[in-house]
Protein backbone atom coordinates (compact mmCIF):
# COMPACT_ATOMS: atom_id res chain seq x y z
CA MET A 1 22.10 -3.13 -13.39
CA GLY A 2 25.13 -1.95 -13.71
CA SER A 3 26.62 -0.97 -17.73
CA ASP A 4 29.64 -3.55 -17.88
CA SER A 5 26.86 -6.03 -16.62
CA VAL A 6 25.36 -9.03 -18.18
CA ALA A 7 23.57 -10.67 -16.76
CA SER A 8 22.35 -9.84 -12.93
CA LEU A 9 19.84 -12.00 -10.40
CA ARG A 10 18.71 -10.51 -7.54
CA GLY A 11 16.88 -11.77 -4.06
CA VAL A 12 16.43 -14.50 -6.26
CA LYS A 13 14.32 -17.14 -5.27
CA LEU A 14 13.11 -20.66 -7.09
CA VAL A 15 10.32 -22.87 -5.98
CA TYR A 16 8.87 -26.07 -7.54
CA HIS A 17 5.55 -27.01 -7.44
CA GLU A 18 5.19 -31.05 -7.17
CA PRO A 19 1.56 -32.90 -7.18
CA SER A 20 2.99 -33.89 -3.34
CA ARG A 21 4.88 -30.87 -2.31
CA GLU A 22 7.23 -27.66 -3.30
CA THR A 23 10.48 -27.42 -2.85
CA LEU A 24 12.91 -24.89 -2.13
CA ALA A 25 16.29 -24.85 -5.18
CA VAL A 26 16.92 -21.75 -5.17
CA ASP A 27 16.19 -19.34 -2.01
CA GLY A 28 18.00 -15.67 -1.83
CA LEU A 29 20.59 -15.58 -4.94
CA ASP A 30 22.23 -12.97 -5.59
CA LEU A 31 24.59 -12.49 -8.58
CA GLU A 32 26.12 -10.72 -11.93
CA VAL A 33 27.78 -11.49 -14.71
CA LYS A 34 30.39 -8.61 -15.96
CA ARG A 35 31.07 -7.96 -19.87
CA GLY A 36 34.04 -10.55 -21.39
CA GLU A 37 33.88 -12.50 -18.06
CA PHE A 38 34.43 -15.90 -17.95
CA LEU A 39 32.24 -17.02 -14.70
CA SER A 40 32.08 -20.54 -13.03
CA ILE A 41 29.26 -21.92 -10.79
CA VAL A 42 30.53 -25.17 -8.57
CA GLY A 43 28.75 -26.74 -6.05
CA PRO A 44 27.06 -30.05 -3.99
CA SER A 45 25.39 -31.94 -6.84
CA GLY A 46 21.68 -31.30 -7.18
CA CYS A 47 22.31 -27.70 -4.98
CA GLY A 48 20.50 -25.80 -8.17
CA LYS A 49 23.26 -24.98 -10.71
CA THR A 50 21.67 -25.49 -13.64
CA SER A 51 18.62 -24.34 -12.56
CA VAL A 52 19.98 -21.12 -12.60
CA LEU A 53 21.19 -21.10 -16.23
CA SER A 54 17.42 -21.70 -16.70
CA LEU A 55 16.37 -18.73 -14.97
CA ILE A 56 19.05 -16.77 -16.64
CA THR A 57 17.34 -18.52 -19.99
CA GLY A 58 14.46 -17.74 -18.80
CA LEU A 59 13.15 -21.35 -19.49
CA LEU A 60 12.67 -20.62 -15.32
CA THR A 61 10.54 -17.97 -14.08
CA PRO A 62 11.85 -16.87 -10.17
CA SER A 63 9.24 -17.06 -7.83
CA GLU A 64 10.84 -14.14 -6.83
CA GLY A 65 13.65 -11.93 -6.81
CA SER A 66 13.86 -10.13 -10.28
CA VAL A 67 17.07 -11.71 -13.34
CA GLU A 68 18.05 -9.18 -16.08
CA VAL A 69 20.33 -9.98 -18.66
CA LEU A 70 21.77 -7.82 -20.97
CA GLY A 71 19.07 -4.86 -19.91
CA VAL A 72 16.35 -6.46 -20.87
CA SER A 73 13.73 -9.67 -19.67
CA PRO A 74 15.43 -13.64 -19.84
CA ALA A 75 12.74 -13.76 -21.94
CA GLU A 76 13.65 -10.60 -24.01
CA ALA A 77 17.37 -11.46 -24.64
CA ARG A 78 17.53 -15.71 -25.37
CA GLY A 79 17.51 -14.96 -29.02
CA ARG A 80 21.20 -13.32 -27.74
CA ILE A 81 22.07 -16.14 -25.43
CA GLY A 82 24.07 -19.21 -26.38
CA TYR A 83 24.18 -22.72 -24.06
CA MET A 84 25.85 -24.91 -24.93
CA LEU A 85 24.78 -28.24 -23.10
CA GLN A 86 26.33 -32.18 -20.97
CA ARG A 87 25.44 -33.67 -24.46
CA ASP A 88 26.16 -32.46 -28.05
CA ALA A 89 22.98 -32.76 -29.50
CA LEU A 90 24.44 -33.05 -32.75
CA LEU A 91 21.48 -34.71 -35.50
CA ASP A 92 23.30 -37.30 -37.03
CA TRP A 93 21.47 -37.41 -40.12
CA ARG A 94 23.42 -33.60 -41.10
CA THR A 95 26.95 -32.74 -41.72
CA ILE A 96 28.90 -31.06 -39.44
CA GLU A 97 28.85 -28.15 -42.01
CA ARG A 98 25.30 -28.64 -41.65
CA ASN A 99 25.13 -29.21 -37.71
CA VAL A 100 27.13 -25.84 -37.16
CA LEU A 101 24.15 -23.73 -39.07
CA LEU A 102 21.38 -25.24 -37.85
CA GLY A 103 20.74 -22.83 -35.09
CA LEU A 104 21.62 -20.25 -37.94
CA GLU A 105 18.34 -21.54 -39.65
CA VAL A 106 16.28 -22.12 -36.72
CA LYS A 107 16.65 -18.21 -36.16
CA ARG A 108 16.10 -17.24 -39.54
CA ALA A 109 19.71 -15.66 -39.80
CA LEU A 110 21.07 -17.72 -42.36
CA THR A 111 22.78 -15.72 -45.26
CA PRO A 112 25.77 -15.74 -47.05
CA GLU A 113 27.15 -13.70 -44.61
CA SER A 114 26.32 -15.58 -41.62
CA ARG A 115 27.02 -18.67 -43.71
CA SER A 116 30.26 -17.06 -44.59
CA ARG A 117 31.16 -16.37 -40.46
CA ALA A 118 30.01 -19.74 -39.52
CA LEU A 119 31.84 -22.38 -41.84
CA ALA A 120 35.09 -19.72 -40.50
CA LEU A 121 34.57 -20.64 -37.42
CA LEU A 122 35.03 -24.00 -38.52
CA ASP A 123 38.46 -23.78 -40.36
CA LYS A 124 39.57 -20.84 -37.52
CA TYR A 125 39.08 -23.61 -35.28
CA GLY A 126 40.39 -26.67 -36.64
CA LEU A 127 36.89 -28.01 -37.93
CA GLY A 128 37.54 -27.17 -41.68
CA ASP A 129 38.57 -31.07 -43.21
CA PHE A 130 35.60 -31.94 -41.40
CA ARG A 131 32.97 -29.96 -42.77
CA ARG A 132 31.67 -33.30 -44.91
CA HIS A 133 31.81 -35.63 -42.18
CA TYR A 134 29.14 -36.98 -40.49
CA PRO A 135 29.14 -36.72 -36.15
CA ALA A 136 29.76 -40.70 -36.09
CA GLU A 137 32.68 -40.35 -37.67
CA LEU A 138 34.26 -37.61 -34.91
CA SER A 139 35.36 -37.96 -31.76
CA GLY A 140 33.71 -36.68 -28.41
CA GLY A 141 35.78 -33.59 -28.12
CA MET A 142 35.47 -33.19 -31.62
CA ARG A 143 31.63 -33.02 -32.05
CA GLN A 144 31.70 -30.37 -28.19
CA LYS A 145 33.71 -28.60 -30.42
CA ALA A 146 31.42 -28.87 -33.04
CA ALA A 147 29.15 -27.98 -30.73
CA LEU A 148 30.78 -24.61 -29.91
CA ILE A 149 31.37 -23.49 -32.66
CA ARG A 150 27.47 -24.36 -33.44
CA THR A 151 26.52 -21.96 -30.74
CA LEU A 152 29.09 -19.02 -31.72
CA ALA A 153 27.88 -18.50 -34.58
CA ALA A 154 24.75 -17.47 -33.89
CA GLU A 155 26.98 -15.03 -32.01
CA PRO A 156 25.84 -15.21 -28.57
CA GLU A 157 26.63 -12.01 -26.26
CA LEU A 158 26.54 -14.83 -23.83
CA LEU A 159 27.36 -17.93 -23.27
CA LEU A 160 26.08 -20.37 -21.11
CA LEU A 161 27.61 -23.98 -20.59
CA ASP A 162 26.46 -26.13 -18.23
CA GLU A 163 29.07 -28.93 -17.65
CA PRO A 164 30.07 -29.49 -21.37
CA PHE A 165 33.32 -31.74 -20.79
CA SER A 166 31.20 -34.29 -18.48
CA ALA A 167 31.36 -37.10 -20.42
CA LEU A 168 34.19 -37.00 -22.14
CA ASP A 169 37.49 -38.91 -21.16
CA TYR A 170 40.21 -37.30 -18.94
CA GLN A 171 43.15 -36.62 -21.92
CA THR A 172 40.07 -35.10 -24.13
CA ARG A 173 38.67 -33.13 -22.04
CA ILE A 174 41.43 -31.35 -20.48
CA LEU A 175 42.75 -31.10 -23.82
CA LEU A 176 39.46 -29.56 -24.32
CA GLU A 177 39.17 -27.29 -21.43
CA ASP A 178 42.40 -25.17 -22.51
CA GLU A 179 40.52 -24.82 -26.48
CA VAL A 180 37.61 -23.63 -25.25
CA ARG A 181 39.14 -21.07 -22.62
CA SER A 182 41.22 -20.12 -25.21
CA ILE A 183 38.34 -19.58 -28.43
CA ILE A 184 36.47 -18.52 -25.58
CA LYS A 185 39.00 -15.82 -24.04
CA GLN A 186 40.41 -14.22 -27.70
CA GLY A 187 36.88 -14.05 -28.73
CA GLY A 188 35.81 -11.51 -25.82
CA TYR A 189 32.71 -13.40 -25.16
CA THR A 190 30.93 -13.04 -21.95
CA ALA A 191 30.48 -17.32 -20.25
CA VAL A 192 29.41 -18.87 -17.25
CA LEU A 193 30.15 -22.30 -16.92
CA VAL A 194 28.27 -24.97 -14.68
CA THR A 195 30.77 -27.43 -13.33
CA HIS A 196 31.49 -30.48 -10.67
CA ASP A 197 35.09 -30.17 -11.10
CA ILE A 198 36.80 -27.40 -8.64
CA ALA A 199 39.89 -27.60 -10.99
CA GLU A 200 38.38 -27.04 -14.29
CA ALA A 201 36.58 -23.92 -12.59
CA ILE A 202 40.07 -22.36 -11.79
CA CYS A 203 41.88 -23.32 -14.62
CA MET A 204 39.40 -22.00 -17.57
CA SER A 205 37.33 -18.65 -15.06
CA ASP A 206 38.35 -15.05 -14.24
CA ARG A 207 35.96 -16.04 -11.01
CA VAL A 208 34.65 -18.78 -9.47
CA VAL A 209 31.35 -18.65 -7.51
CA VAL A 210 30.76 -21.29 -5.10
CA PHE A 211 27.15 -22.56 -3.92
CA SER A 212 25.54 -23.60 -0.99
CA GLY A 213 23.66 -26.50 0.19
CA ARG A 214 19.94 -26.58 -1.51
CA PRO A 215 18.50 -24.22 -1.51
CA ALA A 216 21.14 -22.30 -3.88
CA ARG A 217 22.68 -19.25 -1.97
CA VAL A 218 26.03 -17.43 -3.12
CA LYS A 219 28.20 -18.98 -0.62
CA ARG A 220 31.62 -17.37 -1.67
CA SER A 221 33.35 -15.34 -4.72
CA VAL A 222 36.93 -16.16 -5.75
CA GLY A 223 38.56 -14.10 -8.25
CA ILE A 224 41.18 -15.79 -10.06
CA ASP A 225 44.44 -14.76 -10.48
CA LEU A 226 46.45 -17.07 -12.49
CA ALA A 227 48.65 -16.78 -15.52
CA GLY A 228 48.62 -18.74 -18.64
CA THR A 229 46.40 -21.08 -20.71
CA ALA A 230 44.07 -23.31 -19.10
CA PHE A 231 46.41 -25.80 -18.76
CA GLU A 232 49.04 -24.01 -17.93
CA ARG A 233 47.74 -22.90 -14.45
CA ARG A 234 47.44 -26.56 -13.72
CA SER A 235 51.08 -26.25 -12.27
CA ARG A 236 50.82 -22.51 -11.69
CA ALA A 237 52.14 -21.42 -8.00
CA GLY A 238 48.85 -21.00 -6.06
CA PHE A 239 46.36 -23.14 -8.07
CA GLY A 240 46.85 -25.71 -4.97
CA ALA A 241 45.81 -23.24 -2.86
CA LEU A 242 42.90 -21.84 -4.31
CA PHE A 243 41.70 -25.41 -5.03
CA ASP A 244 41.54 -26.02 -1.42
CA LEU A 245 40.16 -22.56 -0.36
CA ILE A 246 37.42 -24.17 -2.99
CA TRP A 247 37.18 -28.11 -1.65
CA LYS A 248 36.53 -26.27 1.96
CA GLU A 249 33.71 -23.69 0.95
CA LEU A 250 31.68 -27.52 -0.71
CA ARG A 251 33.18 -29.82 1.87
CA GLU A 252 31.68 -28.07 4.75
CA GLU A 253 28.03 -28.08 2.04
């Protein structure tokens, strides 16, 4: 793995073993994520996108091939990876402040310094006034932003986002795409986003990787060279051509 590479999958094959059959989910997958890159993965439903995130975190072990993250095995790198899910998974009985601090508590890394950094993130990203509120008192978008801050509070070197906006209404989704891209790019994070939304992938990413249908392979890698915020990118010249290119690759599946 190169010095500028954060995650590398080489010749990866993943077989799910069930009592009555075997399912080939990933076959011959080669994928590299560069440091500081915002990479999106799109592909047909059920093609194995989330399985690839699980391989990167070490939750799944490849049947063949190799996975390396931050220069070591996924299991060794797990504490340096942040994972944001489709649902915010905030604990209803904890305030937003205590939810944001939860990851640090679990890792036994809650110190006065780490607490101060986490609370500063709440202030920086507009949730400081809601730190004493409970999740039920926040909108869906605010809850997802709190979940992202909880993930960033642990200072991950690689951030994995598994369809984090899929449960939100369209307007909230667009606003949050804009905010999350800004947070990740300004913070210099390396991020991998799994999404079904082609426009979302184009608006947020530096590069979009298109997966084939199951078993997952990399079908095409598309560099995104559009200026502006996630919202501004939607109206840029070239957006439509990129959308059509990626849609054509997916339609063939």
